[in-house]
Amino acid sequence: MARNRKRHKENEGMNESWLLPYADMLTLLLALFIVLFAMSSLDAAKFRDLAQSLSSVFTSSSGIMEYPSPNEQIVPDEMSSELHDTAAMNELEELIALQKRIDEYIQSHDLTNRLTTNLSGEGLQITILDDALFDSGSADVKKEAHELGVEISKFIVSDPPRHVTISGHTDNVPIHNAAYSSNWHLSVMRAIHFMEVLLENDNLEPDYLSAKGYGEYRPIANNDTAENRAKNRRVEVLITPNYDLKINEE
């Protein structure tokens, strides 16, 4: 009889052992239903308060508490890439339209022998031959060229602003005057002085403009003839896009 009572007590203890995990499961289910209900609500503030309260109880490193508010958008990598491609396409269309406007200005002012434009993956570049801006051996912008600089400054204004780099280039003939010690010196001073003309436009932000001088070291033609040397003496204005341009360059 005593044995039966002992076995009965042991069975009762074993039968009650399932209550603890069952209670935990019910608690988790209750928390899940509360969260699902909160997610169906449009009140993001209440959702965050609820999440914080429950997080203090459930301290697991991962789980339902880590999901964002229903009003917060999750952008997958694919969508982010698509948005970037769309922005890049808009940027390309804007630069194409800008190039067309500049080309029309060049044509209407009979500047085709002095100014050219080129659109590449780096951006939109305006090339100005040096005799349109400077006297031989000088870095001072000619008075008659000042208006040209003012007009170009209007073209490079944009919202949002784009970075613009002005670079000076020379031919390989050594310079012989007291003002400039080398072609490098001359080229960088020409870039700086032309940039100063552009910055007379108050709509341009100075921190988006920079000047460089390359001297004779980035020629676009052989320096074997006077005509080719004239091509190498130039100032380039590169308008850099805010997004990478996808242009097939051959």
C-alpha atoms as a PDB file:
ATOM      1  CA  MET A   1       0.000   0.000   0.000  1.00  0.00           C
ATOM      2  CA  ALA A   2       2.885   2.341   0.872  1.00  0.00           C
ATOM      3  CA  ARG A   3       4.533   1.518  -2.425  1.00  0.00           C
ATOM      4  CA  ASN A   4       1.405   2.498  -4.359  1.00  0.00           C
ATOM      5  CA  ARG A   5       1.223   5.846  -2.541  1.00  0.00           C
ATOM      6  CA  LYS A   6       4.887   6.504  -3.307  1.00  0.00           C
ATOM      7  CA  ARG A   7       4.424   5.713  -6.988  1.00  0.00           C
ATOM      8  CA  HIS A   8       1.316   7.899  -7.100  1.00  0.00           C
ATOM      9  CA  LYS A   9       3.270  10.879  -5.721  1.00  0.00           C
ATOM     10  CA  GLU A  10       6.088  10.298  -8.212  1.00  0.00           C
ATOM     11  CA  ASN A  11       3.615  10.186 -11.097  1.00  0.00           C
ATOM     12  CA  GLU A  12       2.013  13.405  -9.899  1.00  0.00           C
ATOM     13  CA  GLY A  13       5.444  15.120  -9.887  1.00  0.00           C
ATOM     14  CA  MET A  14       6.263  13.836 -13.364  1.00  0.00           C
ATOM     15  CA  ASN A  15       2.868  14.791 -14.765  1.00  0.00           C
ATOM     16  CA  GLU A  16       3.207  18.397 -13.506  1.00  0.00           C
ATOM     17  CA  SER A  17       6.691  18.929 -15.060  1.00  0.00           C
ATOM     18  CA  TRP A  18       5.205  19.895 -18.436  1.00  0.00           C
ATOM     19  CA  LEU A  19       3.456  22.943 -16.982  1.00  0.00           C
ATOM     20  CA  LEU A  20       6.572  25.173 -16.940  1.00  0.00           C
ATOM     21  CA  PRO A  21       7.464  24.994 -20.683  1.00  0.00           C
ATOM     22  CA  TYR A  22       3.762  25.142 -21.525  1.00  0.00           C
ATOM     23  CA  ALA A  23       3.400  28.370 -19.507  1.00  0.00           C
ATOM     24  CA  ASP A  24       6.459  29.825 -21.269  1.00  0.00           C
ATOM     25  CA  MET A  25       4.978  28.963 -24.646  1.00  0.00           C
ATOM     26  CA  LEU A  26       1.684  30.620 -23.731  1.00  0.00           C
ATOM     27  CA  THR A  27       3.554  33.737 -22.616  1.00  0.00           C
ATOM     28  CA  LEU A  28       5.424  33.904 -25.917  1.00  0.00           C
ATOM     29  CA  LEU A  29       2.239  33.420 -27.906  1.00  0.00           C
ATOM     30  CA  LEU A  30       0.555  36.172 -25.920  1.00  0.00           C
ATOM     31  CA  ALA A  31       3.487  38.470 -26.650  1.00  0.00           C
ATOM     32  CA  LEU A  32       3.287  37.584 -30.337  1.00  0.00           C
ATOM     33  CA  PHE A  33      -0.437  38.377 -30.537  1.00  0.00           C
ATOM     34  CA  ILE A  34       0.140  41.700 -28.754  1.00  0.00           C
ATOM     35  CA  VAL A  35       2.862  42.627 -31.198  1.00  0.00           C
ATOM     36  CA  LEU A  36       0.762  41.610 -34.206  1.00  0.00           C
ATOM     37  CA  PHE A  37      -2.086  43.699 -32.892  1.00  0.00           C
ATOM     38  CA  ALA A  38       0.221  46.656 -32.370  1.00  0.00           C
ATOM     39  CA  MET A  39       1.610  46.299 -35.895  1.00  0.00           C
ATOM     40  CA  SER A  40      -1.881  46.626 -37.298  1.00  0.00           C
ATOM     41  CA  SER A  41      -2.177  50.015 -35.620  1.00  0.00           C
ATOM     42  CA  LEU A  42      -1.027  53.197 -37.359  1.00  0.00           C
ATOM     43  CA  ASP A  43       0.209  54.734 -34.101  1.00  0.00           C
ATOM     44  CA  ALA A  44       3.977  54.315 -34.390  1.00  0.00           C
ATOM     45  CA  ALA A  45       4.623  55.917 -30.998  1.00  0.00           C
ATOM     46  CA  LYS A  46       2.486  53.367 -29.172  1.00  0.00           C
ATOM     47  CA  PHE A  47       4.190  50.579 -31.077  1.00  0.00           C
ATOM     48  CA  ARG A  48       7.624  51.756 -29.989  1.00  0.00           C
ATOM     49  CA  ASP A  49       6.471  52.038 -26.364  1.00  0.00           C
ATOM     50  CA  LEU A  50       5.116  48.518 -26.503  1.00  0.00           C
ATOM     51  CA  ALA A  51       8.286  47.193 -28.088  1.00  0.00           C
ATOM     52  CA  GLN A  52      10.434  48.790 -25.404  1.00  0.00           C
ATOM     53  CA  SER A  53       8.246  47.356 -22.632  1.00  0.00           C
ATOM     54  CA  LEU A  54       8.314  43.848 -24.026  1.00  0.00           C
ATOM     55  CA  SER A  55      12.021  44.052 -24.815  1.00  0.00           C
ATOM     56  CA  SER A  56      12.718  44.526 -21.110  1.00  0.00           C
ATOM     57  CA  VAL A  57      11.098  41.126 -20.519  1.00  0.00           C
ATOM     58  CA  PHE A  58      12.362  39.230 -23.549  1.00  0.00           C
ATOM     59  CA  THR A  59      16.082  39.918 -23.720  1.00  0.00           C
ATOM     60  CA  SER A  60      16.913  37.544 -26.532  1.00  0.00           C
ATOM     61  CA  SER A  61      19.455  38.936 -29.054  1.00  0.00           C
ATOM     62  CA  SER A  62      17.139  38.200 -31.943  1.00  0.00           C
ATOM     63  CA  GLY A  63      13.434  37.835 -32.353  1.00  0.00           C
ATOM     64  CA  ILE A  64      10.227  39.616 -33.059  1.00  0.00           C
ATOM     65  CA  MET A  65      11.203  42.668 -30.999  1.00  0.00           C
ATOM     66  CA  GLU A  66      13.891  43.533 -33.528  1.00  0.00           C
ATOM     67  CA  TYR A  67      11.453  44.188 -36.339  1.00  0.00           C
ATOM     68  CA  PRO A  68      10.957  47.896 -37.136  1.00  0.00           C
ATOM     69  CA  SER A  69       7.826  49.913 -36.669  1.00  0.00           C
ATOM     70  CA  PRO A  70       5.178  49.237 -39.345  1.00  0.00           C
ATOM     71  CA  ASN A  71       5.491  52.862 -40.442  1.00  0.00           C
ATOM     72  CA  GLU A  72       9.232  52.492 -41.105  1.00  0.00           C
ATOM     73  CA  GLN A  73      10.092  51.481 -44.642  1.00  0.00           C
ATOM     74  CA  ILE A  74      12.614  48.754 -45.389  1.00  0.00           C
ATOM     75  CA  VAL A  75      14.406  49.269 -48.699  1.00  0.00           C
ATOM     76  CA  PRO A  76      15.996  46.081 -50.057  1.00  0.00           C
ATOM     77  CA  ASP A  77      19.331  46.265 -51.822  1.00  0.00           C
ATOM     78  CA  GLU A  78      17.606  45.756 -55.153  1.00  0.00           C
ATOM     79  CA  MET A  79      15.277  48.717 -54.590  1.00  0.00           C
ATOM     80  CA  SER A  80      18.178  50.887 -53.412  1.00  0.00           C
ATOM     81  CA  SER A  81      20.084  50.017 -56.566  1.00  0.00           C
ATOM     82  CA  GLU A  82      17.060  50.811 -58.701  1.00  0.00           C
ATOM     83  CA  LEU A  83      16.647  54.202 -57.024  1.00  0.00           C
ATOM     84  CA  HIS A  84      20.328  54.958 -57.626  1.00  0.00           C
ATOM     85  CA  ASP A  85      20.020  53.973 -61.296  1.00  0.00           C
ATOM     86  CA  THR A  86      17.001  56.249 -61.673  1.00  0.00           C
ATOM     87  CA  ALA A  87      18.883  59.171 -60.106  1.00  0.00           C
ATOM     88  CA  ALA A  88      21.877  58.499 -62.359  1.00  0.00           C
ATOM     89  CA  MET A  89      19.617  58.467 -65.410  1.00  0.00           C
ATOM     90  CA  ASN A  90      18.074  61.795 -64.397  1.00  0.00           C
ATOM     91  CA  GLU A  91      21.565  63.199 -63.882  1.00  0.00           C
ATOM     92  CA  LEU A  92      22.611  62.045 -67.343  1.00  0.00           C
ATOM     93  CA  GLU A  93      19.539  63.608 -68.940  1.00  0.00           C
ATOM     94  CA  GLU A  94      20.245  66.914 -67.167  1.00  0.00           C
ATOM     95  CA  LEU A  95      23.861  66.968 -68.358  1.00  0.00           C
ATOM     96  CA  ILE A  96      22.817  66.107 -71.919  1.00  0.00           C
ATOM     97  CA  ALA A  97      20.375  69.028 -71.855  1.00  0.00           C
ATOM     98  CA  LEU A  98      23.092  71.272 -70.419  1.00  0.00           C
ATOM     99  CA  GLN A  99      25.543  70.247 -73.122  1.00  0.00           C
ATOM    100  CA  LYS A 100      22.946  71.085 -75.756  1.00  0.00           C
ATOM    101  CA  ARG A 101      22.461  74.571 -74.283  1.00  0.00           C
ATOM    102  CA  ILE A 102      26.208  75.208 -74.208  1.00  0.00           C
ATOM    103  CA  ASP A 103      26.633  73.958 -77.776  1.00  0.00           C
ATOM    104  CA  GLU A 104      23.847  76.278 -78.897  1.00  0.00           C
ATOM    105  CA  TYR A 105      25.650  79.169 -77.199  1.00  0.00           C
ATOM    106  CA  ILE A 106      28.906  78.215 -78.930  1.00  0.00           C
ATOM    107  CA  GLN A 107      27.187  78.088 -82.308  1.00  0.00           C
ATOM    108  CA  SER A 108      25.282  81.347 -81.874  1.00  0.00           C
ATOM    109  CA  HIS A 109      28.445  83.237 -80.797  1.00  0.00           C
ATOM    110  CA  ASP A 110      30.687  81.722 -83.486  1.00  0.00           C
ATOM    111  CA  LEU A 111      32.992  80.074 -80.952  1.00  0.00           C
ATOM    112  CA  THR A 112      33.275  76.634 -82.523  1.00  0.00           C
ATOM    113  CA  ASN A 113      37.021  77.101 -83.123  1.00  0.00           C
ATOM    114  CA  ARG A 114      37.649  78.031 -79.492  1.00  0.00           C
ATOM    115  CA  LEU A 115      35.186  76.080 -77.361  1.00  0.00           C
ATOM    116  CA  THR A 116      34.127  72.430 -77.413  1.00  0.00           C
ATOM    117  CA  THR A 117      32.122  70.180 -75.094  1.00  0.00           C
ATOM    118  CA  ASN A 118      32.425  66.502 -74.309  1.00  0.00           C
ATOM    119  CA  LEU A 119      30.212  64.287 -72.144  1.00  0.00           C
ATOM    120  CA  SER A 120      31.816  61.186 -70.640  1.00  0.00           C
ATOM    121  CA  GLY A 121      31.602  59.024 -67.538  1.00  0.00           C
ATOM    122  CA  GLU A 122      33.638  61.679 -65.696  1.00  0.00           C
ATOM    123  CA  GLY A 123      31.083  64.372 -66.441  1.00  0.00           C
ATOM    124  CA  LEU A 124      30.543  67.254 -68.832  1.00  0.00           C
ATOM    125  CA  GLN A 125      33.739  68.986 -69.910  1.00  0.00           C
ATOM    126  CA  ILE A 126      34.042  72.398 -71.558  1.00  0.00           C
ATOM    127  CA  THR A 127      37.378  72.938 -73.302  1.00  0.00           C
ATOM    128  CA  ILE A 128      38.491  76.516 -73.990  1.00  0.00           C
ATOM    129  CA  LEU A 129      41.582  77.193 -76.086  1.00  0.00           C
ATOM    130  CA  ASP A 130      43.973  79.536 -74.311  1.00  0.00           C
ATOM    131  CA  ASP A 131      43.947  82.295 -76.943  1.00  0.00           C
ATOM    132  CA  ALA A 132      40.246  82.797 -76.180  1.00  0.00           C
ATOM    133  CA  LEU A 133      41.187  83.743 -72.608  1.00  0.00           C
ATOM    134  CA  PHE A 134      44.823  84.785 -72.329  1.00  0.00           C
ATOM    135  CA  ASP A 135      47.593  86.579 -74.133  1.00  0.00           C
ATOM    136  CA  SER A 136      50.696  84.538 -74.875  1.00  0.00           C
ATOM    137  CA  GLY A 137      52.709  83.809 -71.726  1.00  0.00           C
ATOM    138  CA  SER A 138      50.119  85.464 -69.464  1.00  0.00           C
ATOM    139  CA  ALA A 139      47.686  84.096 -66.883  1.00  0.00           C
ATOM    140  CA  ASP A 140      45.530  87.232 -66.723  1.00  0.00           C
ATOM    141  CA  VAL A 141      42.095  86.756 -68.284  1.00  0.00           C
ATOM    142  CA  LYS A 142      41.704  89.190 -71.175  1.00  0.00           C
ATOM    143  CA  LYS A 143      39.047  91.881 -70.778  1.00  0.00           C
ATOM    144  CA  GLU A 144      37.177  90.712 -73.858  1.00  0.00           C
ATOM    145  CA  ALA A 145      37.180  87.153 -72.443  1.00  0.00           C
ATOM    146  CA  HIS A 146      35.648  88.201 -69.133  1.00  0.00           C
ATOM    147  CA  GLU A 147      32.124  88.078 -70.568  1.00  0.00           C
ATOM    148  CA  LEU A 148      32.770  84.544 -71.793  1.00  0.00           C
ATOM    149  CA  GLY A 149      33.679  83.498 -68.251  1.00  0.00           C
ATOM    150  CA  VAL A 150      30.522  85.126 -66.915  1.00  0.00           C
ATOM    151  CA  GLU A 151      28.374  83.215 -69.418  1.00  0.00           C
ATOM    152  CA  ILE A 152      30.068  79.898 -68.620  1.00  0.00           C
ATOM    153  CA  SER A 153      29.477  80.505 -64.901  1.00  0.00           C
ATOM    154  CA  LYS A 154      25.733  80.618 -65.566  1.00  0.00           C
ATOM    155  CA  PHE A 155      25.842  77.191 -67.183  1.00  0.00           C
ATOM    156  CA  ILE A 156      27.533  75.483 -64.252  1.00  0.00           C
ATOM    157  CA  VAL A 157      25.044  76.672 -61.625  1.00  0.00           C
ATOM    158  CA  SER A 158      22.896  73.726 -60.495  1.00  0.00           C
ATOM    159  CA  ASP A 159      20.660  72.629 -57.626  1.00  0.00           C
ATOM    160  CA  PRO A 160      21.968  70.581 -55.940  1.00  0.00           C
ATOM    161  CA  PRO A 161      25.403  71.979 -56.781  1.00  0.00           C
ATOM    162  CA  ARG A 162      27.935  69.884 -58.670  1.00  0.00           C
ATOM    163  CA  HIS A 163      31.672  69.881 -58.162  1.00  0.00           C
ATOM    164  CA  VAL A 164      33.528  71.773 -60.886  1.00  0.00           C
ATOM    165  CA  THR A 165      37.250  71.427 -61.586  1.00  0.00           C
ATOM    166  CA  ILE A 166      39.110  74.012 -63.668  1.00  0.00           C
ATOM    167  CA  SER A 167      42.412  72.733 -65.056  1.00  0.00           C
ATOM    168  CA  GLY A 168      45.090  74.592 -66.994  1.00  0.00           C
ATOM    169  CA  HIS A 169      47.275  73.031 -69.719  1.00  0.00           C
ATOM    170  CA  THR A 170      50.175  74.258 -71.858  1.00  0.00           C
ATOM    171  CA  ASP A 171      52.267  73.030 -74.760  1.00  0.00           C
ATOM    172  CA  ASN A 172      55.829  71.786 -74.264  1.00  0.00           C
ATOM    173  CA  VAL A 173      57.596  75.009 -75.225  1.00  0.00           C
ATOM    174  CA  PRO A 174      59.477  76.270 -72.141  1.00  0.00           C
ATOM    175  CA  ILE A 175      58.258  79.595 -70.845  1.00  0.00           C
ATOM    176  CA  HIS A 176      60.687  82.523 -70.811  1.00  0.00           C
ATOM    177  CA  ASN A 177      59.540  85.378 -68.565  1.00  0.00           C
ATOM    178  CA  ALA A 178      60.010  86.654 -65.038  1.00  0.00           C
ATOM    179  CA  ALA A 179      56.395  86.086 -63.936  1.00  0.00           C
ATOM    180  CA  TYR A 180      56.231  82.288 -64.253  1.00  0.00           C
ATOM    181  CA  SER A 181      59.012  79.843 -63.527  1.00  0.00           C
ATOM    182  CA  SER A 182      57.580  76.961 -65.553  1.00  0.00           C
ATOM    183  CA  ASN A 183      54.687  75.792 -67.709  1.00  0.00           C
ATOM    184  CA  TRP A 184      53.307  74.163 -64.579  1.00  0.00           C
ATOM    185  CA  HIS A 185      53.260  77.492 -62.791  1.00  0.00           C
ATOM    186  CA  LEU A 186      51.611  79.204 -65.766  1.00  0.00           C
ATOM    187  CA  SER A 187      48.957  76.498 -66.152  1.00  0.00           C
ATOM    188  CA  VAL A 188      47.848  76.527 -62.523  1.00  0.00           C
ATOM    189  CA  MET A 189      47.692  80.340 -62.393  1.00  0.00           C
ATOM    190  CA  ARG A 190      45.542  80.375 -65.520  1.00  0.00           C
ATOM    191  CA  ALA A 191      43.173  77.877 -63.902  1.00  0.00           C
ATOM    192  CA  ILE A 192      42.986  79.944 -60.708  1.00  0.00           C
ATOM    193  CA  HIS A 193      42.394  83.246 -62.494  1.00  0.00           C
ATOM    194  CA  PHE A 194      39.645  81.788 -64.656  1.00  0.00           C
ATOM    195  CA  MET A 195      38.053  80.201 -61.575  1.00  0.00           C
ATOM    196  CA  GLU A 196      38.022  83.641 -59.948  1.00  0.00           C
ATOM    197  CA  VAL A 197      36.025  84.972 -62.910  1.00  0.00           C
ATOM    198  CA  LEU A 198      33.530  82.127 -62.540  1.00  0.00           C
ATOM    199  CA  LEU A 199      33.157  82.811 -58.816  1.00  0.00           C
ATOM    200  CA  GLU A 200      31.978  86.334 -59.510  1.00  0.00           C
ATOM    201  CA  ASN A 201      28.659  84.569 -59.954  1.00  0.00           C
ATOM    202  CA  ASP A 202      27.119  84.624 -56.467  1.00  0.00           C
ATOM    203  CA  ASN A 203      25.010  81.566 -57.283  1.00  0.00           C
ATOM    204  CA  LEU A 204      28.121  79.390 -57.315  1.00  0.00           C
ATOM    205  CA  GLU A 205      29.396  77.922 -54.057  1.00  0.00           C
ATOM    206  CA  PRO A 206      33.193  78.312 -53.750  1.00  0.00           C
ATOM    207  CA  ASP A 207      33.643  75.047 -51.858  1.00  0.00           C
ATOM    208  CA  TYR A 208      32.423  73.158 -54.943  1.00  0.00           C
ATOM    209  CA  LEU A 209      35.088  74.625 -57.251  1.00  0.00           C
ATOM    210  CA  SER A 210      38.767  73.714 -57.473  1.00  0.00           C
ATOM    211  CA  ALA A 211      41.706  74.574 -59.735  1.00  0.00           C
ATOM    212  CA  LYS A 212      44.551  72.424 -61.054  1.00  0.00           C
ATOM    213  CA  GLY A 213      47.554  72.930 -63.285  1.00  0.00           C
ATOM    214  CA  TYR A 214      49.016  70.149 -65.456  1.00  0.00           C
ATOM    215  CA  GLY A 215      51.535  72.129 -67.457  1.00  0.00           C
ATOM    216  CA  GLU A 216      52.586  70.275 -70.596  1.00  0.00           C
ATOM    217  CA  TYR A 217      52.008  66.802 -69.173  1.00  0.00           C
ATOM    218  CA  ARG A 218      48.501  66.030 -70.393  1.00  0.00           C
ATOM    219  CA  PRO A 219      48.573  66.906 -74.092  1.00  0.00           C
ATOM    220  CA  ILE A 220      45.643  66.060 -76.360  1.00  0.00           C
ATOM    221  CA  ALA A 221      47.809  66.315 -79.504  1.00  0.00           C
ATOM    222  CA  ASN A 222      51.440  65.910 -80.438  1.00  0.00           C
ATOM    223  CA  ASN A 223      53.484  69.053 -79.958  1.00  0.00           C
ATOM    224  CA  ASP A 224      55.043  68.672 -83.407  1.00  0.00           C
ATOM    225  CA  THR A 225      53.203  71.517 -85.151  1.00  0.00           C
ATOM    226  CA  ALA A 226      52.030  74.995 -84.229  1.00  0.00           C
ATOM    227  CA  GLU A 227      48.417  73.891 -84.745  1.00  0.00           C
ATOM    228  CA  ASN A 228      48.781  70.954 -82.360  1.00  0.00           C
ATOM    229  CA  ARG A 229      50.567  73.045 -79.748  1.00  0.00           C
ATOM    230  CA  ALA A 230      47.639  75.483 -79.887  1.00  0.00           C
ATOM    231  CA  LYS A 231      45.281  72.598 -79.083  1.00  0.00           C
ATOM    232  CA  ASN A 232      47.315  71.714 -76.014  1.00  0.00           C
ATOM    233  CA  ARG A 233      47.207  75.264 -74.645  1.00  0.00           C
ATOM    234  CA  ARG A 234      43.763  75.159 -73.074  1.00  0.00           C
ATOM    235  CA  VAL A 235      41.601  75.454 -69.982  1.00  0.00           C
ATOM    236  CA  GLU A 236      39.177  72.660 -69.163  1.00  0.00           C
ATOM    237  CA  VAL A 237      36.075  73.039 -66.990  1.00  0.00           C
ATOM    238  CA  LEU A 238      34.859  69.642 -65.779  1.00  0.00           C
ATOM    239  CA  ILE A 239      31.352  69.501 -64.301  1.00  0.00           C
ATOM    240  CA  THR A 240      31.273  66.367 -62.162  1.00  0.00           C
ATOM    241  CA  PRO A 241      27.904  64.575 -61.817  1.00  0.00           C
ATOM    242  CA  ASN A 242      26.458  63.807 -58.402  1.00  0.00           C
ATOM    243  CA  TYR A 243      25.831  60.212 -59.536  1.00  0.00           C
ATOM    244  CA  ASP A 244      27.930  57.851 -61.619  1.00  0.00           C
ATOM    245  CA  LEU A 245      26.993  58.146 -65.272  1.00  0.00           C
ATOM    246  CA  LYS A 246      26.512  54.975 -67.270  1.00  0.00           C
ATOM    247  CA  ILE A 247      27.876  55.935 -70.667  1.00  0.00           C
ATOM    248  CA  ASN A 248      29.214  53.512 -73.235  1.00  0.00           C
ATOM    249  CA  GLU A 249      32.552  54.957 -74.246  1.00  0.00           C
ATOM    250  CA  GLU A 250      34.311  53.438 -77.219  1.00  0.00           C
END
